[in-house]
Amino acid sequence: MESKQEGIAFPPLPSVRPRLQEAARRGPVVLTTDQPCEMCGAPVVAAHCKRICLRCGFMTGCSEGI
């Protein structure tokens, strides 16, 4: 019977858990824009391709010409 060669031994990877815990402590990142809501004038939050009003919930997206 032939003996099998062992595969490559990879070094241990650094743990991502401390980075995740630190990010969770900081909380979510909210980006507000300079432009007020088109409907009510309240502050607006930028999320990906959308702007969402914090008061009335009015949304505009990329296709509306943000």
PDB file of N, CA and C in Angstrom:
ATOM      1  N   MET A   1       0.844  -1.169   0.000  1.00  0.00           N
ATOM      2  CA  MET A   1       0.000   0.000   0.000  1.00  0.00           C
ATOM      3  C   MET A   1       0.896   1.242   0.000  1.00  0.00           C
ATOM      4  N   GLU A   2       0.498   2.237  -0.797  1.00  0.00           N
ATOM      5  CA  GLU A   2       1.291   3.462  -0.895  1.00  0.00           C
ATOM      6  C   GLU A   2       0.892   4.437   0.211  1.00  0.00           C
ATOM      7  N   SER A   3       1.876   5.177   0.679  1.00  0.00           N
ATOM      8  CA  SER A   3       1.554   6.203   1.681  1.00  0.00           C
ATOM      9  C   SER A   3       1.185   7.499   0.965  1.00  0.00           C
ATOM     10  N   LYS A   4       0.227   8.215   1.508  1.00  0.00           N
ATOM     11  CA  LYS A   4      -0.229   9.472   0.902  1.00  0.00           C
ATOM     12  C   LYS A   4       0.572  10.640   1.465  1.00  0.00           C
ATOM     13  N   GLN A   5       0.850  11.599   0.603  1.00  0.00           N
ATOM     14  CA  GLN A   5       1.547  12.808   1.023  1.00  0.00           C
ATOM     15  C   GLN A   5       0.521  13.750   1.652  1.00  0.00           C
ATOM     16  N   GLU A   6       0.914  14.431   2.693  1.00  0.00           N
ATOM     17  CA  GLU A   6       0.040  15.427   3.319  1.00  0.00           C
ATOM     18  C   GLU A   6      -0.006  16.670   2.445  1.00  0.00           C
ATOM     19  N   GLY A   7      -1.080  17.405   2.534  1.00  0.00           N
ATOM     20  CA  GLY A   7      -1.223  18.643   1.779  1.00  0.00           C
ATOM     21  C   GLY A   7      -0.444  19.779   2.431  1.00  0.00           C
ATOM     22  N   ILE A   8      -0.576  20.938   1.875  1.00  0.00           N
ATOM     23  CA  ILE A   8       0.111  22.125   2.387  1.00  0.00           C
ATOM     24  C   ILE A   8      -0.518  22.538   3.710  1.00  0.00           C
ATOM     25  N   ALA A   9       0.315  22.921   4.652  1.00  0.00           N
ATOM     26  CA  ALA A   9      -0.177  23.418   5.943  1.00  0.00           C
ATOM     27  C   ALA A   9      -0.242  24.939   5.862  1.00  0.00           C
ATOM     28  N   PHE A  10      -1.445  25.496   5.938  1.00  0.00           N
ATOM     29  CA  PHE A  10      -1.621  26.947   5.887  1.00  0.00           C
ATOM     30  C   PHE A  10      -1.482  27.539   7.281  1.00  0.00           C
ATOM     31  N   PRO A  11      -0.881  28.724   7.382  1.00  0.00           N
ATOM     32  CA  PRO A  11      -0.800  29.367   8.702  1.00  0.00           C
ATOM     33  C   PRO A  11      -2.202  29.793   9.148  1.00  0.00           C
ATOM     34  N   PRO A  12      -2.425  29.910  10.441  1.00  0.00           N
ATOM     35  CA  PRO A  12      -3.754  30.318  10.914  1.00  0.00           C
ATOM     36  C   PRO A  12      -4.084  31.742  10.448  1.00  0.00           C
ATOM     37  N   LEU A  13      -5.339  31.953  10.105  1.00  0.00           N
ATOM     38  CA  LEU A  13      -5.792  33.276   9.662  1.00  0.00           C
ATOM     39  C   LEU A  13      -6.108  34.148  10.866  1.00  0.00           C
ATOM     40  N   PRO A  14      -5.900  35.468  10.741  1.00  0.00           N
ATOM     41  CA  PRO A  14      -6.244  36.348  11.859  1.00  0.00           C
ATOM     42  C   PRO A  14      -7.751  36.356  12.075  1.00  0.00           C
ATOM     43  N   SER A  15      -8.141  36.494  13.306  1.00  0.00           N
ATOM     44  CA  SER A  15      -9.553  36.502  13.656  1.00  0.00           C
ATOM     45  C   SER A  15     -10.180  37.838  13.273  1.00  0.00           C
ATOM     46  N   VAL A  16     -11.359  37.803  12.647  1.00  0.00           N
ATOM     47  CA  VAL A  16     -12.060  39.031  12.288  1.00  0.00           C
ATOM     48  C   VAL A  16     -13.011  39.468  13.397  1.00  0.00           C
ATOM     49  N   ARG A  17     -13.191  38.619  14.398  1.00  0.00           N
ATOM     50  CA  ARG A  17     -14.133  38.919  15.470  1.00  0.00           C
ATOM     51  C   ARG A  17     -13.850  40.243  16.169  1.00  0.00           C
ATOM     52  N   PRO A  18     -12.594  40.587  16.527  1.00  0.00           N
ATOM     53  CA  PRO A  18     -12.363  41.889  17.174  1.00  0.00           C
ATOM     54  C   PRO A  18     -12.793  43.061  16.304  1.00  0.00           C
ATOM     55  N   ARG A  19     -12.576  42.958  14.994  1.00  0.00           N
ATOM     56  CA  ARG A  19     -12.997  44.044  14.092  1.00  0.00           C
ATOM     57  C   ARG A  19     -14.514  44.153  14.044  1.00  0.00           C
ATOM     58  N   LEU A  20     -15.208  43.025  14.042  1.00  0.00           N
ATOM     59  CA  LEU A  20     -16.667  43.053  14.027  1.00  0.00           C
ATOM     60  C   LEU A  20     -17.221  43.644  15.318  1.00  0.00           C
ATOM     61  N   GLN A  21     -16.619  43.275  16.446  1.00  0.00           N
ATOM     62  CA  GLN A  21     -17.079  43.807  17.726  1.00  0.00           C
ATOM     63  C   GLN A  21     -16.858  45.314  17.797  1.00  0.00           C
ATOM     64  N   GLU A  22     -15.727  45.789  17.278  1.00  0.00           N
ATOM     65  CA  GLU A  22     -15.451  47.229  17.286  1.00  0.00           C
ATOM     66  C   GLU A  22     -16.448  47.979  16.399  1.00  0.00           C
ATOM     67  N   ALA A  23     -16.761  47.417  15.242  1.00  0.00           N
ATOM     68  CA  ALA A  23     -17.730  48.047  14.347  1.00  0.00           C
ATOM     69  C   ALA A  23     -19.119  48.084  14.984  1.00  0.00           C
ATOM     70  N   ALA A  24     -19.479  47.036  15.710  1.00  0.00           N
ATOM     71  CA  ALA A  24     -20.784  46.991  16.367  1.00  0.00           C
ATOM     72  C   ALA A  24     -20.866  48.025  17.492  1.00  0.00           C
ATOM     73  N   ARG A  25     -19.765  48.272  18.177  1.00  0.00           N
ATOM     74  CA  ARG A  25     -19.752  49.276  19.252  1.00  0.00           C
ATOM     75  C   ARG A  25     -19.959  50.679  18.705  1.00  0.00           C
ATOM     76  N   ARG A  26     -19.407  50.935  17.519  1.00  0.00           N
ATOM     77  CA  ARG A  26     -19.527  52.272  16.923  1.00  0.00           C
ATOM     78  C   ARG A  26     -20.940  52.553  16.435  1.00  0.00           C
ATOM     79  N   GLY A  27     -21.682  51.521  16.077  1.00  0.00           N
ATOM     80  CA  GLY A  27     -23.041  51.692  15.592  1.00  0.00           C
ATOM     81  C   GLY A  27     -23.078  51.928  14.096  1.00  0.00           C
ATOM     82  N   PRO A  28     -24.270  52.045  13.541  1.00  0.00           N
ATOM     83  CA  PRO A  28     -24.398  52.226  12.099  1.00  0.00           C
ATOM     84  C   PRO A  28     -23.929  53.609  11.663  1.00  0.00           C
ATOM     85  N   VAL A  29     -23.444  53.681  10.446  1.00  0.00           N
ATOM     86  CA  VAL A  29     -23.006  54.951   9.871  1.00  0.00           C
ATOM     87  C   VAL A  29     -24.173  55.523   9.068  1.00  0.00           C
ATOM     88  N   VAL A  30     -24.590  56.729   9.410  1.00  0.00           N
ATOM     89  CA  VAL A  30     -25.689  57.383   8.713  1.00  0.00           C
ATOM     90  C   VAL A  30     -25.141  58.620   8.029  1.00  0.00           C
ATOM     91  N   LEU A  31     -25.318  58.683   6.723  1.00  0.00           N
ATOM     92  CA  LEU A  31     -24.844  59.823   5.959  1.00  0.00           C
ATOM     93  C   LEU A  31     -26.010  60.740   5.638  1.00  0.00           C
ATOM     94  N   THR A  32     -25.991  61.936   6.190  1.00  0.00           N
ATOM     95  CA  THR A  32     -27.040  62.895   5.843  1.00  0.00           C
ATOM     96  C   THR A  32     -26.537  63.763   4.703  1.00  0.00           C
ATOM     97  N   THR A  33     -27.446  64.260   3.898  1.00  0.00           N
ATOM     98  CA  THR A  33     -27.077  65.086   2.753  1.00  0.00           C
ATOM     99  C   THR A  33     -27.343  66.551   3.053  1.00  0.00           C
ATOM    100  N   ASP A  34     -26.792  67.407   2.218  1.00  0.00           N
ATOM    101  CA  ASP A  34     -26.993  68.849   2.365  1.00  0.00           C
ATOM    102  C   ASP A  34     -28.389  69.264   1.914  1.00  0.00           C
ATOM    103  N   GLN A  35     -28.961  68.484   1.020  1.00  0.00           N
ATOM    104  CA  GLN A  35     -30.251  68.838   0.443  1.00  0.00           C
ATOM    105  C   GLN A  35     -31.389  68.383   1.355  1.00  0.00           C
ATOM    106  N   PRO A  36     -32.354  69.252   1.631  1.00  0.00           N
ATOM    107  CA  PRO A  36     -33.510  68.841   2.444  1.00  0.00           C
ATOM    108  C   PRO A  36     -34.492  68.009   1.617  1.00  0.00           C
ATOM    109  N   CYS A  37     -35.447  67.415   2.294  1.00  0.00           N
ATOM    110  CA  CYS A  37     -36.495  66.630   1.628  1.00  0.00           C
ATOM    111  C   CYS A  37     -37.283  67.520   0.675  1.00  0.00           C
ATOM    112  N   GLU A  38     -37.598  66.980  -0.486  1.00  0.00           N
ATOM    113  CA  GLU A  38     -38.354  67.730  -1.485  1.00  0.00           C
ATOM    114  C   GLU A  38     -39.807  67.946  -1.065  1.00  0.00           C
ATOM    115  N   MET A  39     -40.318  67.070  -0.180  1.00  0.00           N
ATOM    116  CA  MET A  39     -41.722  67.159   0.216  1.00  0.00           C
ATOM    117  C   MET A  39     -41.935  68.006   1.468  1.00  0.00           C
ATOM    118  N   CYS A  40     -41.100  67.781   2.518  1.00  0.00           N
ATOM    119  CA  CYS A  40     -41.364  68.454   3.795  1.00  0.00           C
ATOM    120  C   CYS A  40     -40.205  69.308   4.304  1.00  0.00           C
ATOM    121  N   GLY A  41     -39.015  69.225   3.679  1.00  0.00           N
ATOM    122  CA  GLY A  41     -37.895  70.060   4.086  1.00  0.00           C
ATOM    123  C   GLY A  41     -37.071  69.512   5.245  1.00  0.00           C
ATOM    124  N   ALA A  42     -37.343  68.304   5.705  1.00  0.00           N
ATOM    125  CA  ALA A  42     -36.593  67.691   6.817  1.00  0.00           C
ATOM    126  C   ALA A  42     -35.255  67.131   6.315  1.00  0.00           C
ATOM    127  N   PRO A  43     -34.338  66.773   7.236  1.00  0.00           N
ATOM    128  CA  PRO A  43     -33.063  66.172   6.819  1.00  0.00           C
ATOM    129  C   PRO A  43     -33.283  64.858   6.080  1.00  0.00           C
ATOM    130  N   VAL A  44     -32.360  64.553   5.170  1.00  0.00           N
ATOM    131  CA  VAL A  44     -32.452  63.369   4.318  1.00  0.00           C
ATOM    132  C   VAL A  44     -31.216  62.504   4.541  1.00  0.00           C
ATOM    133  N   VAL A  45     -31.411  61.180   4.536  1.00  0.00           N
ATOM    134  CA  VAL A  45     -30.330  60.208   4.726  1.00  0.00           C
ATOM    135  C   VAL A  45     -29.986  59.600   3.366  1.00  0.00           C
ATOM    136  N   ALA A  46     -28.676  59.468   3.085  1.00  0.00           N
ATOM    137  CA  ALA A  46     -28.233  58.829   1.845  1.00  0.00           C
ATOM    138  C   ALA A  46     -27.963  57.365   2.118  1.00  0.00           C
ATOM    139  N   ALA A  47     -28.607  56.489   1.359  1.00  0.00           N
ATOM    140  CA  ALA A  47     -28.402  55.046   1.501  1.00  0.00           C
ATOM    141  C   ALA A  47     -28.256  54.448   0.104  1.00  0.00           C
ATOM    142  N   HIS A  48     -27.037  54.041  -0.246  1.00  0.00           N
ATOM    143  CA  HIS A  48     -26.708  53.505  -1.565  1.00  0.00           C
ATOM    144  C   HIS A  48     -27.112  54.500  -2.634  1.00  0.00           C
ATOM    145  N   CYS A  49     -28.096  54.176  -3.420  1.00  0.00           N
ATOM    146  CA  CYS A  49     -28.519  55.027  -4.520  1.00  0.00           C
ATOM    147  C   CYS A  49     -29.790  55.804  -4.168  1.00  0.00           C
ATOM    148  N   LYS A  50     -30.179  55.774  -2.930  1.00  0.00           N
ATOM    149  CA  LYS A  50     -31.436  56.410  -2.527  1.00  0.00           C
ATOM    150  C   LYS A  50     -31.196  57.498  -1.493  1.00  0.00           C
ATOM    151  N   ARG A  51     -32.126  58.460  -1.459  1.00  0.00           N
ATOM    152  CA  ARG A  51     -32.177  59.453  -0.390  1.00  0.00           C
ATOM    153  C   ARG A  51     -33.527  59.265   0.290  1.00  0.00           C
ATOM    154  N   ILE A  52     -33.512  59.152   1.628  1.00  0.00           N
ATOM    155  CA  ILE A  52     -34.734  58.869   2.377  1.00  0.00           C
ATOM    156  C   ILE A  52     -34.932  59.958   3.416  1.00  0.00           C
ATOM    157  N   CYS A  53     -36.128  60.539   3.457  1.00  0.00           N
ATOM    158  CA  CYS A  53     -36.456  61.586   4.421  1.00  0.00           C
ATOM    159  C   CYS A  53     -36.646  60.974   5.798  1.00  0.00           C
ATOM    160  N   LEU A  54     -36.078  61.624   6.814  1.00  0.00           N
ATOM    161  CA  LEU A  54     -36.197  61.112   8.181  1.00  0.00           C
ATOM    162  C   LEU A  54     -37.557  61.414   8.800  1.00  0.00           C
ATOM    163  N   ARG A  55     -38.276  62.384   8.268  1.00  0.00           N
ATOM    164  CA  ARG A  55     -39.579  62.736   8.834  1.00  0.00           C
ATOM    165  C   ARG A  55     -40.728  62.033   8.118  1.00  0.00           C
ATOM    166  N   CYS A  56     -40.834  62.228   6.814  1.00  0.00           N
ATOM    167  CA  CYS A  56     -42.012  61.705   6.106  1.00  0.00           C
ATOM    168  C   CYS A  56     -41.751  60.398   5.355  1.00  0.00           C
ATOM    169  N   GLY A  57     -40.456  60.001   5.183  1.00  0.00           N
ATOM    170  CA  GLY A  57     -40.142  58.756   4.516  1.00  0.00           C
ATOM    171  C   GLY A  57     -40.101  58.844   2.994  1.00  0.00           C
ATOM    172  N   PHE A  58     -40.224  60.054   2.437  1.00  0.00           N
ATOM    173  CA  PHE A  58     -40.180  60.231   0.986  1.00  0.00           C
ATOM    174  C   PHE A  58     -38.823  59.759   0.472  1.00  0.00           C
ATOM    175  N   MET A  59     -38.833  58.966  -0.643  1.00  0.00           N
ATOM    176  CA  MET A  59     -37.599  58.428  -1.202  1.00  0.00           C
ATOM    177  C   MET A  59     -37.410  58.884  -2.629  1.00  0.00           C
ATOM    178  N   THR A  60     -36.154  59.175  -2.973  1.00  0.00           N
ATOM    179  CA  THR A  60     -35.793  59.398  -4.368  1.00  0.00           C
ATOM    180  C   THR A  60     -34.617  58.490  -4.663  1.00  0.00           C
ATOM    181  N   GLY A  61     -34.509  58.031  -5.893  1.00  0.00           N
ATOM    182  CA  GLY A  61     -33.442  57.118  -6.290  1.00  0.00           C
ATOM    183  C   GLY A  61     -32.601  57.698  -7.413  1.00  0.00           C
ATOM    184  N   CYS A  62     -31.658  56.918  -7.891  1.00  0.00           N
ATOM    185  CA  CYS A  62     -30.749  57.371  -8.954  1.00  0.00           C
ATOM    186  C   CYS A  62     -31.504  57.761 -10.220  1.00  0.00           C
ATOM    187  N   SER A  63     -32.546  57.046 -10.523  1.00  0.00           N
ATOM    188  CA  SER A  63     -33.261  57.322 -11.767  1.00  0.00           C
ATOM    189  C   SER A  63     -34.034  58.641 -11.701  1.00  0.00           C
ATOM    190  N   GLU A  64     -34.273  59.163 -10.502  1.00  0.00           N
ATOM    191  CA  GLU A  64     -34.969  60.437 -10.360  1.00  0.00           C
ATOM    192  C   GLU A  64     -34.018  61.628 -10.428  1.00  0.00           C
ATOM    193  N   GLY A  65     -32.731  61.384 -10.547  1.00  0.00           N
ATOM    194  CA  GLY A  65     -31.769  62.480 -10.668  1.00  0.00           C
ATOM    195  C   GLY A  65     -31.386  63.085  -9.330  1.00  0.00           C
ATOM    196  N   ILE A  66     -30.805  62.261  -8.476  1.00  0.00           N
ATOM    197  CA  ILE A  66     -30.399  62.721  -7.143  1.00  0.00           C
ATOM    198  C   ILE A  66     -29.343  63.780  -7.271  1.00  0.00           C
TER     199      ILE A  66
END
